[in-house]
Every structure is written in C-alpha cells, then in structure tokens.
C-alpha cells in the first residue's frame, strides 16, 4: 500500500512538473512574441543585440537653447567649425589609442594629449591593444554651455559607431607562451559598437582671472574700465578701444569622455 502511494505521489509530481514546464514555456513564447516578434526568446535577444549594435545612440541635444547664448557672447562663433574640429579630434584620438602612438594626435591641447597618453599607457599595462575601425559619427549636438571661473566651456556630445575589438600585445603573447600557453592568443571577436562621446571645449577669457578665481564676466576694458558684456568682442562698446589682448581666443578641446 505504501509503495502505491509513493508511486502515485511521484506521478503527480512529474505531471505537475510537466504542466508547470508547459505553462512556463507558453508564457516565455508569449513574452518573446510581444517583445521581439518571435517564439524563441534566445533568438529574440540575439536579434535585439544586433539591432542595438547598428542603431545610433541618442544624444543630449541642447543646441537650440545653448547656441543663442553662445552667439550673444561670441558673435563670430561658428558651430559647424567647432563640430568639425571635435569630430576630427575624436577620430585622431581613437587612432592614437589604436596605434599606441601619441604623435598621431596633432594640434591637440596638452590636457587632451595627457589624457590620451594615460589611456595608451593603461592599455599597455593591461597588455592589450584596442581597435577602432570604420568610425562613423552619426550626430553631434551641444549638450551644455557653462561660464566658469575665468573661462567658458562648451560640451559637445556625439553619437559614434565603430567596429571594435581587442588583442593581446605581441610581447604579452610571447610572455604567455613562455609559461606554457599558446603564443597565438585568440583575438576578441570583432563587433559593431554604438556609443556616445562628450567633448569639452574651453575658452579662457583671462588667465589671471582664471587663476585668481574671478569670473569671466568680470572682465573690463583696459582703457575706460567699462564692463565687457560680450566675451568675444574685439572692441569696447563704450570707448572703442581694442580689447583682444586680454582674451586668449582659442576654443581648446581639453577632454574627451565616453558615456
């Protein structure tokens, strides 16, 4: 009698498990159809990953709000020129990282060269080389305009796509081979990657005021002492004196940050 009860309980458990499996499977199919339009959840997830790899990231587009403010302060400001510079410098920076050669980064600020140099050294320390191929800048917008202590800062944000992979540096391959590992270390699989980069351009209004902590808007005419309302002005609005000497009129790309 006891064995019969046990057998019945096992049959009930198996039947219940089978019913639960069928129910879960149906629900997963339903979720997959709603989310991905396919019965296979795994196939749907892979398809979604492929779409994300080819779909550009959105950018924080504040151009319509920031550009009028910038143009009031800098009447001769050219957004198209700044965007072109930013995209060229971004590609040059990624090329320098890939080749692990800072000399490929020409006409760059010392701050940017230092940043990319540290990136290259970190890759060497880890024993890897990063590759960025088929770089495409989909869109670039102004994401922020700030007036800081003694300077003004424009942050551009770009949606960027490229083919990316990593490989071991040759000297690391040899080192690993000496420890019983194959010298032909497998490369990371190439994949398309979509990301965003923030590029920070700085205009130093007055180095002395920047160092002393005064604001850029406190700049005055060296002749009559009148306040300079337009940061990019070449002449005083009141006495007509030239004020270009107090300005270091260079928008310098100081930092590139992914994210």
C-alpha atoms as a PDB file:
ATOM      1  CA  UNK A   1       0.000   0.000   0.000  1.00  0.00           C
ATOM      2  CA  UNK A   2       2.826   2.377   0.941  1.00  0.00           C
ATOM      3  CA  UNK A   3       4.637   1.779  -2.358  1.00  0.00           C
ATOM      4  CA  UNK A   4       1.459   2.533  -4.286  1.00  0.00           C
ATOM      5  CA  UNK A   5       1.072   5.878  -2.504  1.00  0.00           C
ATOM      6  CA  UNK A   6       4.676   6.775  -3.243  1.00  0.00           C
ATOM      7  CA  UNK A   7       4.269   5.890  -6.925  1.00  0.00           C
ATOM      8  CA  UNK A   8       1.075   7.972  -7.123  1.00  0.00           C
ATOM      9  CA  UNK A   9       2.852  10.931  -5.485  1.00  0.00           C
ATOM     10  CA  UNK A  10       5.740  10.641  -7.933  1.00  0.00           C
ATOM     11  CA  UNK A  11       3.336  10.545 -10.869  1.00  0.00           C
ATOM     12  CA  UNK A  12       1.540  13.622  -9.523  1.00  0.00           C
ATOM     13  CA  UNK A  13       4.858  15.449  -9.094  1.00  0.00           C
ATOM     14  CA  UNK A  14       6.006  14.517 -12.592  1.00  0.00           C
ATOM     15  CA  UNK A  15       2.654  15.527 -14.078  1.00  0.00           C
ATOM     16  CA  UNK A  16       2.707  18.771 -12.129  1.00  0.00           C
ATOM     17  CA  UNK A  17       6.272  19.462 -13.247  1.00  0.00           C
ATOM     18  CA  UNK A  18       5.353  18.778 -16.849  1.00  0.00           C
ATOM     19  CA  UNK A  19       2.351  21.077 -16.617  1.00  0.00           C
ATOM     20  CA  UNK A  20       4.489  23.770 -14.998  1.00  0.00           C
ATOM     21  CA  UNK A  21       7.141  23.396 -17.738  1.00  0.00           C
ATOM     22  CA  UNK A  22       4.478  23.711 -20.460  1.00  0.00           C
ATOM     23  CA  UNK A  23       2.953  26.749 -18.745  1.00  0.00           C
ATOM     24  CA  UNK A  24       6.338  28.479 -18.352  1.00  0.00           C
ATOM     25  CA  UNK A  25       7.247  27.666 -21.945  1.00  0.00           C
ATOM     26  CA  UNK A  26       3.985  29.133 -23.208  1.00  0.00           C
ATOM     27  CA  UNK A  27       4.496  32.281 -21.156  1.00  0.00           C
ATOM     28  CA  UNK A  28       8.064  32.659 -22.445  1.00  0.00           C
ATOM     29  CA  UNK A  29       6.799  32.281 -26.005  1.00  0.00           C
ATOM     30  CA  UNK A  30       4.137  34.894 -25.355  1.00  0.00           C
ATOM     31  CA  UNK A  31       6.699  37.310 -23.871  1.00  0.00           C
ATOM     32  CA  UNK A  32       9.087  36.682 -26.766  1.00  0.00           C
ATOM     33  CA  UNK A  33       6.352  37.323 -29.338  1.00  0.00           C
ATOM     34  CA  UNK A  34       5.314  40.566 -27.651  1.00  0.00           C
ATOM     35  CA  UNK A  35       8.877  41.807 -27.168  1.00  0.00           C
ATOM     36  CA  UNK A  36      10.670  40.504 -30.240  1.00  0.00           C
ATOM     37  CA  UNK A  37       8.061  39.078 -32.622  1.00  0.00           C
ATOM     38  CA  UNK A  38       9.498  35.550 -32.464  1.00  0.00           C
ATOM     39  CA  UNK A  39       8.758  32.355 -30.498  1.00  0.00           C
ATOM     40  CA  UNK A  40      12.397  31.897 -29.443  1.00  0.00           C
ATOM     41  CA  UNK A  41      13.431  34.163 -26.564  1.00  0.00           C
ATOM     42  CA  UNK A  42      17.124  33.489 -27.209  1.00  0.00           C
ATOM     43  CA  UNK A  43      16.725  34.289 -30.901  1.00  0.00           C
ATOM     44  CA  UNK A  44      14.823  37.440 -29.996  1.00  0.00           C
ATOM     45  CA  UNK A  45      17.542  38.614 -27.577  1.00  0.00           C
ATOM     46  CA  UNK A  46      20.252  37.998 -30.179  1.00  0.00           C
ATOM     47  CA  UNK A  47      18.244  39.860 -32.790  1.00  0.00           C
ATOM     48  CA  UNK A  48      17.805  42.765 -30.367  1.00  0.00           C
ATOM     49  CA  UNK A  49      21.563  42.850 -29.692  1.00  0.00           C
ATOM     50  CA  UNK A  50      22.200  43.007 -33.452  1.00  0.00           C
ATOM     51  CA  UNK A  51      19.773  45.919 -33.799  1.00  0.00           C
ATOM     52  CA  UNK A  52      21.376  47.797 -30.916  1.00  0.00           C
ATOM     53  CA  UNK A  53      24.805  47.301 -32.500  1.00  0.00           C
ATOM     54  CA  UNK A  54      23.668  49.139 -35.622  1.00  0.00           C
ATOM     55  CA  UNK A  55      21.321  51.724 -34.076  1.00  0.00           C
ATOM     56  CA  UNK A  56      22.996  55.059 -33.186  1.00  0.00           C
ATOM     57  CA  UNK A  57      22.737  56.255 -29.598  1.00  0.00           C
ATOM     58  CA  UNK A  58      20.628  59.302 -28.876  1.00  0.00           C
ATOM     59  CA  UNK A  59      22.430  62.497 -27.875  1.00  0.00           C
ATOM     60  CA  UNK A  60      21.584  65.250 -25.438  1.00  0.00           C
ATOM     61  CA  UNK A  61      20.531  67.880 -27.939  1.00  0.00           C
ATOM     62  CA  UNK A  62      20.546  71.285 -26.234  1.00  0.00           C
ATOM     63  CA  UNK A  63      21.783  73.171 -29.293  1.00  0.00           C
ATOM     64  CA  UNK A  64      18.619  75.226 -29.744  1.00  0.00           C
ATOM     65  CA  UNK A  65      18.878  76.510 -26.155  1.00  0.00           C
ATOM     66  CA  UNK A  66      22.655  76.925 -25.846  1.00  0.00           C
ATOM     67  CA  UNK A  67      23.568  78.277 -29.281  1.00  0.00           C
ATOM     68  CA  UNK A  68      21.792  81.681 -28.899  1.00  0.00           C
ATOM     69  CA  UNK A  69      23.598  82.207 -25.571  1.00  0.00           C
ATOM     70  CA  UNK A  70      26.968  81.350 -27.105  1.00  0.00           C
ATOM     71  CA  UNK A  71      26.364  83.614 -30.108  1.00  0.00           C
ATOM     72  CA  UNK A  72      25.449  86.515 -27.806  1.00  0.00           C
ATOM     73  CA  UNK A  73      28.773  86.102 -26.012  1.00  0.00           C
ATOM     74  CA  UNK A  74      30.780  85.248 -29.146  1.00  0.00           C
ATOM     75  CA  UNK A  75      29.273  86.920 -32.239  1.00  0.00           C
ATOM     76  CA  UNK A  76      31.764  85.256 -34.590  1.00  0.00           C
ATOM     77  CA  UNK A  77      31.231  81.768 -33.180  1.00  0.00           C
ATOM     78  CA  UNK A  78      30.847  79.001 -35.803  1.00  0.00           C
ATOM     79  CA  UNK A  79      29.124  75.840 -34.579  1.00  0.00           C
ATOM     80  CA  UNK A  80      29.820  73.991 -37.833  1.00  0.00           C
ATOM     81  CA  UNK A  81      33.539  74.675 -37.479  1.00  0.00           C
ATOM     82  CA  UNK A  82      33.603  73.531 -33.852  1.00  0.00           C
ATOM     83  CA  UNK A  83      31.712  70.333 -34.682  1.00  0.00           C
ATOM     84  CA  UNK A  84      34.133  69.558 -37.499  1.00  0.00           C
ATOM     85  CA  UNK A  85      37.083  70.095 -35.160  1.00  0.00           C
ATOM     86  CA  UNK A  86      35.557  67.898 -32.478  1.00  0.00           C
ATOM     87  CA  UNK A  87      34.859  65.010 -34.850  1.00  0.00           C
ATOM     88  CA  UNK A  88      38.350  65.210 -36.366  1.00  0.00           C
ATOM     89  CA  UNK A  89      39.991  65.290 -32.941  1.00  0.00           C
ATOM     90  CA  UNK A  90      37.867  62.378 -31.720  1.00  0.00           C
ATOM     91  CA  UNK A  91      38.900  60.217 -34.682  1.00  0.00           C
ATOM     92  CA  UNK A  92      42.532  61.263 -34.238  1.00  0.00           C
ATOM     93  CA  UNK A  93      42.383  60.369 -30.532  1.00  0.00           C
ATOM     94  CA  UNK A  94      40.961  56.901 -31.214  1.00  0.00           C
ATOM     95  CA  UNK A  95      43.603  56.373 -33.924  1.00  0.00           C
ATOM     96  CA  UNK A  96      46.338  57.339 -31.440  1.00  0.00           C
ATOM     97  CA  UNK A  97      44.977  54.828 -28.916  1.00  0.00           C
ATOM     98  CA  UNK A  98      44.784  52.099 -31.573  1.00  0.00           C
ATOM     99  CA  UNK A  99      48.329  52.717 -32.815  1.00  0.00           C
ATOM    100  CA  UNK A 100      49.524  53.433 -29.243  1.00  0.00           C
ATOM    101  CA  UNK A 101      51.317  56.457 -30.652  1.00  0.00           C
ATOM    102  CA  UNK A 102      50.588  59.867 -29.142  1.00  0.00           C
ATOM    103  CA  UNK A 103      52.384  61.599 -32.035  1.00  0.00           C
ATOM    104  CA  UNK A 104      49.369  60.801 -34.231  1.00  0.00           C
ATOM    105  CA  UNK A 105      47.407  63.289 -32.140  1.00  0.00           C
ATOM    106  CA  UNK A 106      48.459  66.568 -33.725  1.00  0.00           C
ATOM    107  CA  UNK A 107      47.242  70.096 -32.958  1.00  0.00           C
ATOM    108  CA  UNK A 108      45.783  68.911 -29.657  1.00  0.00           C
ATOM    109  CA  UNK A 109      45.849  70.670 -26.289  1.00  0.00           C
ATOM    110  CA  UNK A 110      48.277  69.490 -23.636  1.00  0.00           C
ATOM    111  CA  UNK A 111      45.351  68.373 -21.472  1.00  0.00           C
ATOM    112  CA  UNK A 112      43.979  66.169 -24.241  1.00  0.00           C
ATOM    113  CA  UNK A 113      47.404  64.755 -25.100  1.00  0.00           C
ATOM    114  CA  UNK A 114      47.896  63.927 -21.433  1.00  0.00           C
ATOM    115  CA  UNK A 115      44.519  62.188 -21.244  1.00  0.00           C
ATOM    116  CA  UNK A 116      45.112  60.083 -24.364  1.00  0.00           C
ATOM    117  CA  UNK A 117      48.673  59.344 -23.222  1.00  0.00           C
ATOM    118  CA  UNK A 118      47.331  57.915 -19.951  1.00  0.00           C
ATOM    119  CA  UNK A 119      44.777  55.844 -21.913  1.00  0.00           C
ATOM    120  CA  UNK A 120      47.578  54.384 -24.052  1.00  0.00           C
ATOM    121  CA  UNK A 121      49.739  53.634 -21.022  1.00  0.00           C
ATOM    122  CA  UNK A 122      46.822  51.896 -19.303  1.00  0.00           C
ATOM    123  CA  UNK A 123      46.269  49.667 -22.345  1.00  0.00           C
ATOM    124  CA  UNK A 124      49.982  48.800 -22.404  1.00  0.00           C
ATOM    125  CA  UNK A 125      49.894  47.997 -18.702  1.00  0.00           C
ATOM    126  CA  UNK A 126      46.971  45.637 -19.317  1.00  0.00           C
ATOM    127  CA  UNK A 127      48.823  44.147 -22.281  1.00  0.00           C
ATOM    128  CA  UNK A 128      46.132  44.906 -24.841  1.00  0.00           C
ATOM    129  CA  UNK A 129      45.618  46.914 -27.989  1.00  0.00           C
ATOM    130  CA  UNK A 130      42.189  48.394 -28.719  1.00  0.00           C
ATOM    131  CA  UNK A 131      40.967  48.662 -32.290  1.00  0.00           C
ATOM    132  CA  UNK A 132      38.512  51.239 -33.657  1.00  0.00           C
ATOM    133  CA  UNK A 133      37.648  50.705 -37.318  1.00  0.00           C
ATOM    134  CA  UNK A 134      35.010  52.102 -39.684  1.00  0.00           C
ATOM    135  CA  UNK A 135      34.343  55.028 -37.358  1.00  0.00           C
ATOM    136  CA  UNK A 136      31.097  56.871 -38.112  1.00  0.00           C
ATOM    137  CA  UNK A 137      29.938  59.997 -36.299  1.00  0.00           C
ATOM    138  CA  UNK A 138      26.170  59.923 -36.678  1.00  0.00           C
ATOM    139  CA  UNK A 139      25.255  63.176 -34.957  1.00  0.00           C
ATOM    140  CA  UNK A 140      26.844  65.913 -32.844  1.00  0.00           C
ATOM    141  CA  UNK A 141      24.965  68.416 -30.685  1.00  0.00           C
ATOM    142  CA  UNK A 142      25.736  70.958 -27.983  1.00  0.00           C
ATOM    143  CA  UNK A 143      24.838  69.365 -24.653  1.00  0.00           C
ATOM    144  CA  UNK A 144      25.954  72.168 -22.294  1.00  0.00           C
ATOM    145  CA  UNK A 145      27.277  75.729 -22.153  1.00  0.00           C
ATOM    146  CA  UNK A 146      28.823  76.963 -18.912  1.00  0.00           C
ATOM    147  CA  UNK A 147      30.511  80.133 -17.696  1.00  0.00           C
ATOM    148  CA  UNK A 148      33.031  79.042 -15.119  1.00  0.00           C
ATOM    149  CA  UNK A 149      35.744  80.840 -13.167  1.00  0.00           C
ATOM    150  CA  UNK A 150      37.663  82.814 -15.784  1.00  0.00           C
ATOM    151  CA  UNK A 151      36.549  80.699 -18.732  1.00  0.00           C
ATOM    152  CA  UNK A 152      33.638  79.424 -20.788  1.00  0.00           C
ATOM    153  CA  UNK A 153      33.025  75.769 -21.606  1.00  0.00           C
ATOM    154  CA  UNK A 154      31.057  74.184 -24.446  1.00  0.00           C
ATOM    155  CA  UNK A 155      30.373  70.459 -24.215  1.00  0.00           C
ATOM    156  CA  UNK A 156      29.531  68.664 -27.451  1.00  0.00           C
ATOM    157  CA  UNK A 157      28.042  65.185 -27.473  1.00  0.00           C
ATOM    158  CA  UNK A 158      28.451  62.835 -30.440  1.00  0.00           C
ATOM    159  CA  UNK A 159      26.728  59.566 -31.287  1.00  0.00           C
ATOM    160  CA  UNK A 160      29.503  57.337 -32.649  1.00  0.00           C
ATOM    161  CA  UNK A 161      29.631  53.856 -34.127  1.00  0.00           C
ATOM    162  CA  UNK A 162      32.635  51.717 -34.989  1.00  0.00           C
ATOM    163  CA  UNK A 163      33.899  48.177 -35.318  1.00  0.00           C
ATOM    164  CA  UNK A 164      35.685  47.325 -32.074  1.00  0.00           C
ATOM    165  CA  UNK A 165      37.891  44.543 -30.761  1.00  0.00           C
ATOM    166  CA  UNK A 166      40.885  43.966 -28.508  1.00  0.00           C
ATOM    167  CA  UNK A 167      44.017  41.884 -28.938  1.00  0.00           C
ATOM    168  CA  UNK A 168      46.958  40.934 -26.776  1.00  0.00           C
ATOM    169  CA  UNK A 169      50.159  42.818 -27.413  1.00  0.00           C
ATOM    170  CA  UNK A 170      52.867  40.696 -29.044  1.00  0.00           C
ATOM    171  CA  UNK A 171      55.224  40.878 -26.062  1.00  0.00           C
ATOM    172  CA  UNK A 172      52.464  39.591 -23.813  1.00  0.00           C
ATOM    173  CA  UNK A 173      51.763  36.750 -26.231  1.00  0.00           C
ATOM    174  CA  UNK A 174      55.418  35.715 -26.068  1.00  0.00           C
ATOM    175  CA  UNK A 175      55.421  36.006 -22.288  1.00  0.00           C
ATOM    176  CA  UNK A 176      52.353  33.804 -22.002  1.00  0.00           C
ATOM    177  CA  UNK A 177      53.836  31.296 -24.446  1.00  0.00           C
ATOM    178  CA  UNK A 178      56.847  31.004 -22.141  1.00  0.00           C
ATOM    179  CA  UNK A 179      54.526  29.910 -19.359  1.00  0.00           C
ATOM    180  CA  UNK A 180      53.107  27.026 -21.324  1.00  0.00           C
ATOM    181  CA  UNK A 181      50.361  28.970 -23.078  1.00  0.00           C
ATOM    182  CA  UNK A 182      49.928  29.179 -26.814  1.00  0.00           C
ATOM    183  CA  UNK A 183      51.566  32.207 -28.371  1.00  0.00           C
ATOM    184  CA  UNK A 184      48.686  32.598 -30.786  1.00  0.00           C
ATOM    185  CA  UNK A 185      46.354  34.192 -28.244  1.00  0.00           C
ATOM    186  CA  UNK A 186      42.794  34.388 -29.623  1.00  0.00           C
ATOM    187  CA  UNK A 187      41.606  37.868 -30.518  1.00  0.00           C
ATOM    188  CA  UNK A 188      38.389  39.246 -29.100  1.00  0.00           C
ATOM    189  CA  UNK A 189      35.547  38.852 -31.567  1.00  0.00           C
ATOM    190  CA  UNK A 190      35.006  41.923 -33.738  1.00  0.00           C
ATOM    191  CA  UNK A 191      31.682  43.589 -33.149  1.00  0.00           C
ATOM    192  CA  UNK A 192      29.897  46.782 -34.050  1.00  0.00           C
ATOM    193  CA  UNK A 193      29.610  49.154 -31.130  1.00  0.00           C
ATOM    194  CA  UNK A 194      27.399  52.204 -30.681  1.00  0.00           C
ATOM    195  CA  UNK A 195      28.341  54.726 -28.017  1.00  0.00           C
ATOM    196  CA  UNK A 196      28.486  58.416 -27.113  1.00  0.00           C
ATOM    197  CA  UNK A 197      31.409  60.754 -26.511  1.00  0.00           C
ATOM    198  CA  UNK A 198      31.362  64.069 -24.645  1.00  0.00           C
ATOM    199  CA  UNK A 199      33.950  66.589 -25.848  1.00  0.00           C
ATOM    200  CA  UNK A 200      34.702  69.594 -23.670  1.00  0.00           C
ATOM    201  CA  UNK A 201      35.934  72.785 -25.348  1.00  0.00           C
ATOM    202  CA  UNK A 202      37.286  75.578 -23.175  1.00  0.00           C
ATOM    203  CA  UNK A 203      37.687  79.280 -23.948  1.00  0.00           C
ATOM    204  CA  UNK A 204      39.979  81.010 -21.428  1.00  0.00           C
ATOM    205  CA  UNK A 205      38.795  84.583 -21.094  1.00  0.00           C
ATOM    206  CA  UNK A 206      41.602  85.751 -18.830  1.00  0.00           C
ATOM    207  CA  UNK A 207      44.317  83.525 -17.377  1.00  0.00           C
ATOM    208  CA  UNK A 208      44.937  85.835 -14.429  1.00  0.00           C
ATOM    209  CA  UNK A 209      41.260  85.887 -13.511  1.00  0.00           C
ATOM    210  CA  UNK A 210      41.103  82.152 -14.061  1.00  0.00           C
ATOM    211  CA  UNK A 211      43.896  81.662 -11.554  1.00  0.00           C
ATOM    212  CA  UNK A 212      42.555  84.158  -9.027  1.00  0.00           C
ATOM    213  CA  UNK A 213      39.037  82.723  -9.113  1.00  0.00           C
ATOM    214  CA  UNK A 214      37.212  85.710 -10.590  1.00  0.00           C
ATOM    215  CA  UNK A 215      34.513  85.132 -13.165  1.00  0.00           C
ATOM    216  CA  UNK A 216      34.959  85.693 -16.865  1.00  0.00           C
ATOM    217  CA  UNK A 217      32.059  88.144 -16.897  1.00  0.00           C
ATOM    218  CA  UNK A 218      34.031  90.481 -14.611  1.00  0.00           C
ATOM    219  CA  UNK A 219      36.435  91.415 -17.430  1.00  0.00           C
ATOM    220  CA  UNK A 220      36.638  95.154 -18.066  1.00  0.00           C
ATOM    221  CA  UNK A 221      38.053  97.389 -20.797  1.00  0.00           C
ATOM    222  CA  UNK A 222      41.754  98.123 -20.174  1.00  0.00           C
ATOM    223  CA  UNK A 223      41.242 101.759 -21.274  1.00  0.00           C
ATOM    224  CA  UNK A 224      37.991 103.060 -19.782  1.00  0.00           C
ATOM    225  CA  UNK A 225      37.175 100.311 -17.275  1.00  0.00           C
ATOM    226  CA  UNK A 226      33.724  99.620 -18.724  1.00  0.00           C
ATOM    227  CA  UNK A 227      32.439  96.039 -18.320  1.00  0.00           C
ATOM    228  CA  UNK A 228      32.776  93.785 -21.362  1.00  0.00           C
ATOM    229  CA  UNK A 229      29.307  92.336 -21.991  1.00  0.00           C
ATOM    230  CA  UNK A 230      30.279  90.226 -24.997  1.00  0.00           C
ATOM    231  CA  UNK A 231      33.038  87.775 -24.191  1.00  0.00           C
ATOM    232  CA  UNK A 232      34.150  87.502 -27.803  1.00  0.00           C
ATOM    233  CA  UNK A 233      34.212  91.228 -28.514  1.00  0.00           C
ATOM    234  CA  UNK A 234      37.344  92.735 -30.045  1.00  0.00           C
ATOM    235  CA  UNK A 235      36.478  96.343 -29.177  1.00  0.00           C
ATOM    236  CA  UNK A 236      34.984  98.096 -26.178  1.00  0.00           C
ATOM    237  CA  UNK A 237      31.336  99.079 -26.760  1.00  0.00           C
ATOM    238  CA  UNK A 238      31.879 102.359 -24.876  1.00  0.00           C
ATOM    239  CA  UNK A 239      35.249 103.812 -25.943  1.00  0.00           C
ATOM    240  CA  UNK A 240      36.060 101.658 -28.973  1.00  0.00           C
ATOM    241  CA  UNK A 241      39.445 100.548 -27.626  1.00  0.00           C
ATOM    242  CA  UNK A 242      40.796  97.177 -28.718  1.00  0.00           C
ATOM    243  CA  UNK A 243      40.328  94.513 -26.044  1.00  0.00           C
ATOM    244  CA  UNK A 244      41.654  91.473 -27.895  1.00  0.00           C
ATOM    245  CA  UNK A 245      44.900  91.454 -25.813  1.00  0.00           C
ATOM    246  CA  UNK A 246      43.001  90.396 -22.666  1.00  0.00           C
ATOM    247  CA  UNK A 247      41.430  87.466 -24.493  1.00  0.00           C
ATOM    248  CA  UNK A 248      43.112  84.193 -25.393  1.00  0.00           C
ATOM    249  CA  UNK A 249      40.685  83.499 -28.163  1.00  0.00           C
ATOM    250  CA  UNK A 250      41.109  79.783 -28.685  1.00  0.00           C
ATOM    251  CA  UNK A 251      38.455  77.144 -28.108  1.00  0.00           C
ATOM    252  CA  UNK A 252      40.619  74.278 -26.872  1.00  0.00           C
ATOM    253  CA  UNK A 253      39.427  70.657 -26.723  1.00  0.00           C
ATOM    254  CA  UNK A 254      40.576  69.661 -23.251  1.00  0.00           C
ATOM    255  CA  UNK A 255      38.748  66.414 -22.571  1.00  0.00           C
ATOM    256  CA  UNK A 256      37.025  63.509 -24.306  1.00  0.00           C
ATOM    257  CA  UNK A 257      34.851  61.189 -22.259  1.00  0.00           C
ATOM    258  CA  UNK A 258      32.794  58.207 -23.324  1.00  0.00           C
ATOM    259  CA  UNK A 259      29.325  57.839 -21.900  1.00  0.00           C
END
